[in-house]
C-alpha cells in the first residue's frame, strides 16, 4: 500500500513538471510573437526633379501647299517625280488645253483690228476738224467723229485686256512650284482630265527646312503650361518655356531641339482639348510631312517628395502609405500623387512631409498601430527609384 502511494506521488510530480515545462515554452513562444518585425523604411527628403510629358504629334512642313490646276485640261507632261526636291518656279506639269492657245491668237488679232479702227477714227476726226472751221460741215459731224474715236480707243483697250487675260489663262497650262520643297504623291497620270474642281490635288510641295509638330493637350495640362510660363502675355509665357525634344518612330531622339510656338486661343468643345504647335529646325530634311513622332516637354518640379509606387496602396480611388511614428508604430496616411515619368514612383503633392519615414516593403502585412523595427534604406538603394532616376534628372 505504501509502495502505491509513493508511485502516485512520483506520477503527480512528473505531471506537474511537464505542465511547468509547457507553460515556460508557451511563454517563450509568446515573447517571440510579440517581438517587432523589421521593415525597410525610407526617410523622404525634398528634391528638384526634371520630369517630362510626352504627346503624339503629326509633322508638317512649314509650307505644305497643295497644287491644283486653275483651268481644265489634259495632263500632257509630268515634269517631276515623287519625292523630288524642286526650286520655286520649277515647272511641274504641262496641260493640253488648245482653246486657251487659240484664245491668245484671236485676242491678239482683235488688237490689230482695234488699232486699225482707232487709226480710221483719228483720220475721220482730222478730216472733219478743218471742214467745221470753214463751216463746210456742221459741228455735229466733228463731235460724232470724236465720239467714234473715243469708242474705238476703248475697244482697243478692251482688246488688249482680253489678250492679257488670254495669255494669263494660257500660262495656267504650265503649272509651276509656288515654293521650294519636296514633291508629294502624283495621283494623276498622263492624259488625265483635271480642273480647278478636281477632288485631289495634282501633288503637294512641302518646304521642310523647318517643320511643325502638331499635338493636343487637355485643359489641366494647358493650365500647367500657363502657370509654368513667365510673362505678361501668352506669347511671352510660351517663349519662356524650356526647349522641347522629339522622339522618332524608331525611338531615337531627333538631334535638334524645338520650342512651343502657339497654343489655340480656345478649347475645342467636342474634345475638351487645346491644339498646340511646336517648331523644329530640319536642316538635314530627315523629317517629312506626314511623319508621326512623340514630343517630349520638360517640366521642373521643386521640393518634390518621391516614393516608390510599390510602397502605396489604393482604397476607393485614394492612395495611402504607411508612415512610422516616433513610437515605431505605423499609421496609414492618405496622400495625393502625380505619377513620375518612369511609372514606378510617385511624386507626392500632398499628405506627406519632409523627413517622414515611409514603409517601402511588406505593406500588405501591416495594420494601423502595428509596432515595427524600422530599417533605414537610402533612396539610391531602392530599385524603383533607381529606374526612375534614369528617366528624370534629380538633385538635392
Protein backbone atom coordinates (compact mmCIF):
# COMPACT_ATOMS: atom_id res chain seq x y z
CA UNK A 1 0.00 0.00 0.00
CA UNK A 2 2.82 2.31 0.84
CA UNK A 3 4.53 1.48 -2.45
CA UNK A 4 1.41 2.50 -4.44
CA UNK A 5 1.30 5.83 -2.60
CA UNK A 6 4.93 6.60 -3.47
CA UNK A 7 4.31 5.80 -7.15
CA UNK A 8 1.28 8.07 -7.19
CA UNK A 9 3.33 10.93 -5.72
CA UNK A 10 6.07 10.42 -8.31
CA UNK A 11 3.45 10.47 -11.11
CA UNK A 12 1.97 13.72 -9.81
CA UNK A 13 5.38 15.35 -9.62
CA UNK A 14 6.09 14.29 -13.25
CA UNK A 15 2.80 15.74 -14.45
CA UNK A 16 3.50 18.98 -12.60
CA UNK A 17 6.99 19.25 -14.13
CA UNK A 18 5.51 18.61 -17.62
CA UNK A 19 2.90 21.33 -17.13
CA UNK A 20 5.56 23.79 -15.96
CA UNK A 21 7.70 22.95 -19.00
CA UNK A 22 4.79 23.55 -21.41
CA UNK A 23 3.99 26.80 -19.67
CA UNK A 24 7.58 28.04 -19.96
CA UNK A 25 7.82 27.08 -23.62
CA UNK A 26 4.50 28.79 -24.31
CA UNK A 27 5.78 31.93 -22.61
CA UNK A 28 8.93 31.90 -24.77
CA UNK A 29 6.87 31.47 -27.95
CA UNK A 30 4.63 34.36 -26.92
CA UNK A 31 7.67 36.56 -26.43
CA UNK A 32 8.85 35.63 -29.91
CA UNK A 33 5.46 36.52 -31.39
CA UNK A 34 5.37 39.89 -29.66
CA UNK A 35 8.85 40.84 -30.93
CA UNK A 36 8.65 43.64 -33.61
CA UNK A 37 9.48 42.63 -37.19
CA UNK A 38 11.96 44.51 -39.37
CA UNK A 39 10.67 46.63 -42.27
CA UNK A 40 12.62 48.74 -44.75
CA UNK A 41 11.86 52.42 -44.25
CA UNK A 42 12.68 55.46 -46.45
CA UNK A 43 13.08 58.90 -44.90
CA UNK A 44 11.77 61.24 -47.61
CA UNK A 45 13.54 64.49 -48.44
CA UNK A 46 12.66 67.21 -50.98
CA UNK A 47 14.33 67.22 -54.38
CA UNK A 48 14.17 69.32 -57.51
CA UNK A 49 13.43 66.97 -60.36
CA UNK A 50 13.08 67.36 -64.11
CA UNK A 51 10.14 65.41 -65.45
CA UNK A 52 8.73 65.38 -68.93
CA UNK A 53 5.39 64.95 -70.58
CA UNK A 54 5.01 63.09 -73.86
CA UNK A 55 2.39 63.61 -76.56
CA UNK A 56 1.96 62.03 -80.02
CA UNK A 57 2.48 64.56 -82.80
CA UNK A 58 1.94 64.89 -86.53
CA UNK A 59 4.69 66.52 -88.58
CA UNK A 60 4.09 69.05 -91.34
CA UNK A 61 6.43 71.28 -93.30
CA UNK A 62 6.17 74.98 -92.58
CA UNK A 63 4.86 75.33 -96.13
CA UNK A 64 2.75 72.45 -97.32
CA UNK A 65 0.98 73.58 -100.48
CA UNK A 66 -1.50 71.51 -102.45
CA UNK A 67 -1.22 72.06 -106.20
CA UNK A 68 -4.49 72.39 -108.12
CA UNK A 69 -4.93 73.41 -111.77
CA UNK A 70 -6.68 76.73 -112.39
CA UNK A 71 -8.09 75.63 -115.73
CA UNK A 72 -9.49 72.47 -117.26
CA UNK A 73 -7.20 70.40 -119.42
CA UNK A 74 -5.50 67.07 -120.04
CA UNK A 75 -2.15 66.35 -118.39
CA UNK A 76 0.31 66.43 -121.30
CA UNK A 77 3.56 66.14 -119.32
CA UNK A 78 4.58 65.36 -115.75
CA UNK A 79 7.94 67.04 -115.28
CA UNK A 80 8.78 65.85 -111.74
CA UNK A 81 8.79 62.65 -109.72
CA UNK A 82 7.55 61.81 -106.24
CA UNK A 83 9.99 62.82 -103.51
CA UNK A 84 11.98 65.09 -105.82
CA UNK A 85 13.23 68.43 -104.49
CA UNK A 86 12.24 71.41 -106.65
CA UNK A 87 13.05 75.09 -106.51
CA UNK A 88 10.38 77.77 -106.52
CA UNK A 89 9.18 78.42 -110.08
CA UNK A 90 10.15 74.99 -111.42
CA UNK A 91 7.69 73.60 -113.98
CA UNK A 92 5.74 70.62 -112.59
CA UNK A 93 3.02 69.83 -115.14
CA UNK A 94 2.00 70.84 -118.66
CA UNK A 95 -1.69 70.75 -119.57
CA UNK A 96 -3.07 70.31 -123.06
CA UNK A 97 -5.81 72.94 -123.45
CA UNK A 98 -5.76 74.17 -127.10
CA UNK A 99 -8.69 76.53 -126.64
CA UNK A 100 -6.53 78.79 -124.48
CA UNK A 101 -3.83 78.99 -127.15
CA UNK A 102 -6.49 79.80 -129.74
CA UNK A 103 -7.89 82.48 -127.47
CA UNK A 104 -4.44 84.09 -127.33
CA UNK A 105 -4.26 84.18 -131.12
CA UNK A 106 -7.78 85.56 -131.52
CA UNK A 107 -7.33 88.30 -128.94
CA UNK A 108 -4.03 89.24 -130.50
CA UNK A 109 -5.79 89.61 -133.83
CA UNK A 110 -8.52 91.65 -132.16
CA UNK A 111 -5.88 94.11 -131.01
CA UNK A 112 -4.67 94.58 -134.61
CA UNK A 113 -8.23 95.19 -135.73
CA UNK A 114 -8.84 97.65 -132.91
CA UNK A 115 -5.65 99.53 -133.74
CA UNK A 116 -6.82 99.88 -137.35
CA UNK A 117 -10.22 101.14 -136.20
CA UNK A 118 -8.58 103.74 -133.99
CA UNK A 119 -6.43 104.93 -136.91
CA UNK A 120 -9.51 105.27 -139.12
CA UNK A 121 -11.38 107.16 -136.42
CA UNK A 122 -8.43 109.51 -135.96
CA UNK A 123 -8.41 110.23 -139.72
CA UNK A 124 -12.15 110.99 -139.62
CA UNK A 125 -11.57 113.48 -136.81
CA UNK A 126 -8.69 115.11 -138.67
CA UNK A 127 -10.80 115.44 -141.81
CA UNK A 128 -13.85 116.86 -140.00
CA UNK A 129 -11.98 119.47 -137.96
CA UNK A 130 -10.91 121.85 -140.84
CA UNK A 131 -14.27 121.44 -142.55
CA UNK A 132 -16.02 122.57 -139.41
CA UNK A 133 -13.66 125.52 -139.07
CA UNK A 134 -14.56 126.57 -142.62
CA UNK A 135 -18.20 125.86 -141.82
CA UNK A 136 -18.45 123.39 -144.69
CA UNK A 137 -19.94 120.76 -142.34
CA UNK A 138 -21.74 121.21 -139.07
CA UNK A 139 -20.02 120.90 -135.72
CA UNK A 140 -22.17 117.86 -135.16
CA UNK A 141 -20.08 115.93 -137.68
CA UNK A 142 -16.91 116.65 -135.72
CA UNK A 143 -18.47 115.66 -132.44
CA UNK A 144 -19.68 112.37 -133.91
CA UNK A 145 -16.20 111.64 -135.28
CA UNK A 146 -14.57 112.38 -131.90
CA UNK A 147 -17.06 110.12 -130.14
CA UNK A 148 -16.29 107.36 -132.59
CA UNK A 149 -12.59 107.80 -131.92
CA UNK A 150 -13.17 107.58 -128.18
CA UNK A 151 -15.18 104.37 -128.63
CA UNK A 152 -12.53 102.83 -130.85
CA UNK A 153 -9.81 103.64 -128.32
CA UNK A 154 -11.89 101.99 -125.58
CA UNK A 155 -12.34 98.96 -127.83
CA UNK A 156 -8.58 98.83 -128.28
CA UNK A 157 -8.01 98.87 -124.52
CA UNK A 158 -10.57 96.10 -124.11
CA UNK A 159 -8.84 94.05 -126.79
CA UNK A 160 -5.51 94.48 -125.03
CA UNK A 161 -7.07 93.44 -121.69
CA UNK A 162 -8.60 90.37 -123.33
CA UNK A 163 -5.19 89.48 -124.73
CA UNK A 164 -3.57 89.77 -121.31
CA UNK A 165 -6.29 87.55 -119.80
CA UNK A 166 -5.88 85.05 -122.63
CA UNK A 167 -2.13 84.90 -122.11
CA UNK A 168 -2.65 84.50 -118.35
CA UNK A 169 -5.06 81.63 -118.86
CA UNK A 170 -2.74 80.05 -121.38
CA UNK A 171 0.06 80.39 -118.82
CA UNK A 172 -2.01 78.21 -116.46
CA UNK A 173 -1.34 75.29 -118.78
CA UNK A 174 2.15 75.33 -117.30
CA UNK A 175 1.93 74.59 -113.56
CA UNK A 176 4.96 75.66 -111.52
CA UNK A 177 6.11 75.21 -107.93
CA UNK A 178 4.93 78.09 -105.69
CA UNK A 179 7.67 77.35 -103.13
CA UNK A 180 10.84 75.31 -102.91
CA UNK A 181 10.26 71.89 -101.41
CA UNK A 182 9.68 68.17 -101.90
CA UNK A 183 7.10 66.70 -104.25
CA UNK A 184 4.42 64.53 -102.68
CA UNK A 185 2.37 61.82 -104.36
CA UNK A 186 1.33 62.09 -108.02
CA UNK A 187 -2.17 60.60 -108.21
CA UNK A 188 -2.85 61.66 -111.83
CA UNK A 189 -1.07 60.19 -114.83
CA UNK A 190 -0.55 61.38 -118.39
CA UNK A 191 -3.80 62.05 -120.22
CA UNK A 192 -5.88 62.58 -117.06
CA UNK A 193 -8.50 65.31 -117.33
CA UNK A 194 -8.16 67.74 -114.43
CA UNK A 195 -9.67 71.07 -113.45
CA UNK A 196 -9.93 73.52 -110.57
CA UNK A 197 -12.79 71.41 -109.14
CA UNK A 198 -10.78 68.17 -109.09
CA UNK A 199 -11.12 66.43 -105.70
CA UNK A 200 -7.46 65.55 -105.13
CA UNK A 201 -4.54 67.90 -105.78
CA UNK A 202 -2.12 67.17 -108.58
CA UNK A 203 0.58 66.93 -105.92
CA UNK A 204 1.84 68.66 -102.79
CA UNK A 205 5.00 70.72 -102.42
CA UNK A 206 6.41 70.70 -98.88
CA UNK A 207 9.03 73.10 -97.58
CA UNK A 208 10.59 71.11 -94.72
CA UNK A 209 13.63 73.22 -93.81
CA UNK A 210 11.59 73.80 -90.67
CA UNK A 211 8.72 71.58 -89.57
CA UNK A 212 5.69 71.98 -87.36
CA UNK A 213 4.75 69.35 -84.78
CA UNK A 214 1.03 69.43 -84.01
CA UNK A 215 -0.48 67.86 -80.89
CA UNK A 216 -3.31 68.33 -78.37
CA UNK A 217 -3.36 68.90 -74.62
CA UNK A 218 -6.24 68.78 -72.17
CA UNK A 219 -7.42 71.68 -70.03
CA UNK A 220 -5.42 70.58 -66.98
CA UNK A 221 -2.13 70.49 -68.91
CA UNK A 222 -3.00 73.82 -70.52
CA UNK A 223 -3.34 75.42 -67.08
CA UNK A 224 0.02 73.96 -66.06
CA UNK A 225 1.60 75.38 -69.23
CA UNK A 226 0.31 78.84 -68.49
CA UNK A 227 1.32 78.72 -64.82
CA UNK A 228 4.81 77.45 -65.54
CA UNK A 229 5.48 80.14 -68.13
CA UNK A 230 6.71 83.63 -67.26
CA UNK A 231 5.47 86.79 -68.89
CA UNK A 232 2.54 89.16 -69.16
CA UNK A 233 1.17 87.73 -72.42
CA UNK A 234 0.60 84.15 -73.65
CA UNK A 235 3.38 84.62 -76.22
CA UNK A 236 5.86 85.69 -73.52
CA UNK A 237 4.81 82.71 -71.42
CA UNK A 238 5.40 80.31 -74.31
CA UNK A 239 8.73 81.94 -75.17
CA UNK A 240 9.89 81.43 -71.57
CA UNK A 241 9.25 77.68 -71.67
CA UNK A 242 12.11 75.21 -72.00
CA UNK A 243 13.07 73.70 -75.33
CA UNK A 244 11.29 70.51 -76.31
CA UNK A 245 12.56 67.28 -77.85
CA UNK A 246 11.23 64.90 -80.47
CA UNK A 247 11.30 61.11 -80.27
CA UNK A 248 11.27 59.49 -83.71
CA UNK A 249 9.32 56.33 -84.61
CA UNK A 250 12.47 54.20 -84.17
CA UNK A 251 12.70 55.53 -80.55
CA UNK A 252 15.78 57.61 -81.29
CA UNK A 253 15.97 61.26 -80.31
CA UNK A 254 15.81 63.87 -83.07
CA UNK A 255 19.09 65.79 -82.95
CA UNK A 256 17.55 69.28 -82.99
CA UNK A 257 15.60 70.89 -80.15
CA UNK A 258 12.38 72.78 -80.78
CA UNK A 259 10.09 75.14 -78.96
CA UNK A 260 6.38 75.57 -78.38
CA UNK A 261 5.20 78.27 -80.77
CA UNK A 262 1.42 78.54 -80.42
CA UNK A 263 -1.50 77.27 -78.33
CA UNK A 264 -5.03 77.65 -79.68
CA UNK A 265 -6.99 80.52 -78.18
CA UNK A 266 -9.95 78.43 -77.10
CA UNK A 267 -10.80 74.90 -76.06
CA UNK A 268 -12.33 72.52 -78.58
CA UNK A 269 -15.85 71.91 -77.27
CA UNK A 270 -16.03 68.45 -78.82
CA UNK A 271 -12.75 67.10 -77.43
CA UNK A 272 -12.09 69.42 -74.47
CA UNK A 273 -8.55 70.00 -75.73
CA UNK A 274 -6.25 72.74 -76.98
CA UNK A 275 -4.28 72.46 -80.21
CA UNK A 276 -0.56 73.14 -79.80
CA UNK A 277 2.14 73.74 -82.41
CA UNK A 278 5.87 73.32 -81.90
CA UNK A 279 8.54 74.19 -84.45
CA UNK A 280 11.82 72.37 -85.18
CA UNK A 281 14.74 73.10 -87.49
CA UNK A 282 15.15 70.30 -90.04
CA UNK A 283 18.36 71.15 -91.93
CA UNK A 284 19.02 67.52 -92.90
CA UNK A 285 15.48 67.06 -94.26
CA UNK A 286 15.09 64.00 -92.04
CA UNK A 287 11.50 64.82 -91.12
CA UNK A 288 8.82 64.86 -93.81
CA UNK A 289 5.23 65.99 -93.93
CA UNK A 290 3.00 63.25 -92.56
CA UNK A 291 5.61 61.74 -90.23
CA UNK A 292 4.48 60.73 -86.76
CA UNK A 293 6.61 61.21 -83.66
CA UNK A 294 6.39 61.90 -79.94
CA UNK A 295 7.15 65.27 -78.43
CA UNK A 296 8.83 65.40 -75.03
CA UNK A 297 8.19 68.51 -72.95
CA UNK A 298 10.32 69.03 -69.80
CA UNK A 299 8.75 70.07 -66.54
CA UNK A 300 10.57 71.17 -63.37
CA UNK A 301 9.11 70.18 -60.01
CA UNK A 302 10.69 71.84 -56.98
CA UNK A 303 10.71 70.39 -53.45
CA UNK A 304 9.27 67.10 -54.68
CA UNK A 305 8.87 64.12 -52.35
CA UNK A 306 9.40 60.86 -54.23
CA UNK A 307 8.20 57.42 -53.07
CA UNK A 308 8.06 54.04 -54.85
CA UNK A 309 4.62 53.10 -56.12
CA UNK A 310 5.13 49.69 -54.52
CA UNK A 311 5.04 51.43 -51.11
CA UNK A 312 1.46 52.60 -51.71
CA UNK A 313 -1.98 51.04 -51.84
CA UNK A 314 -5.36 52.25 -53.02
CA UNK A 315 -8.78 52.29 -51.40
CA UNK A 316 -11.73 53.57 -53.42
CA UNK A 317 -9.51 55.59 -55.71
CA UNK A 318 -7.45 57.18 -52.91
CA UNK A 319 -3.75 56.44 -52.41
CA UNK A 320 -2.34 55.56 -48.97
CA UNK A 321 1.07 54.87 -47.43
CA UNK A 322 2.27 53.71 -44.03
CA UNK A 323 4.35 56.19 -42.01
CA UNK A 324 6.37 55.21 -38.94
CA UNK A 325 5.85 57.36 -35.82
CA UNK A 326 8.29 58.12 -33.01
CA UNK A 327 6.91 55.12 -31.11
CA UNK A 328 7.84 52.82 -34.02
CA UNK A 329 4.18 52.22 -34.76
CA UNK A 330 2.84 52.58 -38.27
CA UNK A 331 -0.02 54.79 -39.31
CA UNK A 332 -1.82 54.89 -42.66
CA UNK A 333 -1.83 58.29 -44.36
CA UNK A 334 -3.79 59.42 -47.40
CA UNK A 335 -1.63 61.17 -49.98
CA UNK A 336 -2.11 62.96 -53.29
CA UNK A 337 0.28 61.92 -56.03
CA UNK A 338 1.43 62.52 -59.57
CA UNK A 339 2.98 59.58 -61.46
CA UNK A 340 6.61 60.08 -62.37
CA UNK A 341 7.88 59.58 -65.89
CA UNK A 342 9.03 56.01 -65.32
CA UNK A 343 5.69 54.91 -63.87
CA UNK A 344 7.46 53.21 -60.94
CA UNK A 345 7.42 56.10 -58.49
CA UNK A 346 5.01 58.74 -57.26
CA UNK A 347 5.62 62.43 -56.70
CA UNK A 348 3.67 63.18 -53.52
CA UNK A 349 1.93 66.53 -53.80
CA UNK A 350 0.03 66.44 -50.50
CA UNK A 351 -0.25 64.34 -47.33
CA UNK A 352 3.48 63.76 -46.74
CA UNK A 353 6.06 65.94 -45.04
CA UNK A 354 9.83 66.20 -45.17
CA UNK A 355 11.60 63.57 -43.00
CA UNK A 356 8.52 61.36 -42.74
CA UNK A 357 9.52 57.70 -42.59
CA UNK A 358 7.67 55.64 -45.17
CA UNK A 359 7.47 51.85 -45.07
CA UNK A 360 8.51 50.65 -48.51
CA UNK A 361 8.08 46.86 -48.29
CA UNK A 362 5.64 44.34 -46.90
CA UNK A 363 2.84 46.87 -46.57
CA UNK A 364 0.24 44.14 -47.13
CA UNK A 365 1.19 42.71 -43.70
CA UNK A 366 0.69 46.00 -41.85
CA UNK A 367 -2.22 47.43 -39.91
CA UNK A 368 -2.65 50.78 -38.21
CA UNK A 369 -0.87 50.80 -34.85
CA UNK A 370 1.38 47.84 -35.53
CA UNK A 371 4.82 48.24 -34.00
CA UNK A 372 7.76 47.52 -36.28
CA UNK A 373 11.51 47.69 -36.22
CA UNK A 374 12.37 50.25 -38.94
CA UNK A 375 15.47 49.62 -41.03
CA UNK A 376 16.61 52.78 -42.81
CA UNK A 377 17.21 52.45 -46.56
CA UNK A 378 18.80 55.07 -48.80
CA UNK A 379 16.86 56.33 -51.79
CA UNK A 380 19.82 55.38 -54.00
CA UNK A 381 19.40 51.74 -52.92
CA UNK A 382 15.72 51.49 -53.90
CA UNK A 383 15.39 49.80 -57.28
CA UNK A 384 12.20 51.59 -58.37
CA UNK A 385 13.79 54.95 -57.64
CA UNK A 386 16.94 53.89 -59.47
CA UNK A 387 14.88 53.13 -62.58
CA UNK A 388 13.16 56.46 -62.16
CA UNK A 389 16.45 58.30 -61.96
CA UNK A 390 17.24 57.03 -65.45
CA UNK A 391 14.29 58.95 -66.85
CA UNK A 392 14.31 62.03 -64.61
CA UNK A 393 17.30 64.12 -63.59
CA UNK A 394 17.15 64.87 -59.87
CA UNK A 395 19.27 66.85 -57.45
CA UNK A 396 19.07 67.57 -53.74
